[in-house]
Amino acid sequence: MNGPVLRARVGDLLIVESITRGRAGRTGLVVALYHTDGSPPYLVRWLGEGCETPCYYPGPDARVERRWERLPESP
């Protein structure tokens, strides 16, 4: 049985939790989509690493944080 498929938009953050104790996870910016429905793979620019993964398929340890969820509240 397969789990839910992630859906992302350009500008969303891709958070990959570490499954190894003592090892940090990764955070990437979704730079481009290959499918109009937002399904993987994605072009991801990894923050703080200075590199990109051109065809990233997220695993079960990944989640998407939407851009609008990160915006501060309006006054």
Foldseek 3Di string as FASTA:
>chain_A
DDDDFAAADQQKKKWAQDPDPPDGTWIWGFHDAPDPRRGADTWTDTPPPRDIDHGDHDDPRMHIGHPVNPDDDDD
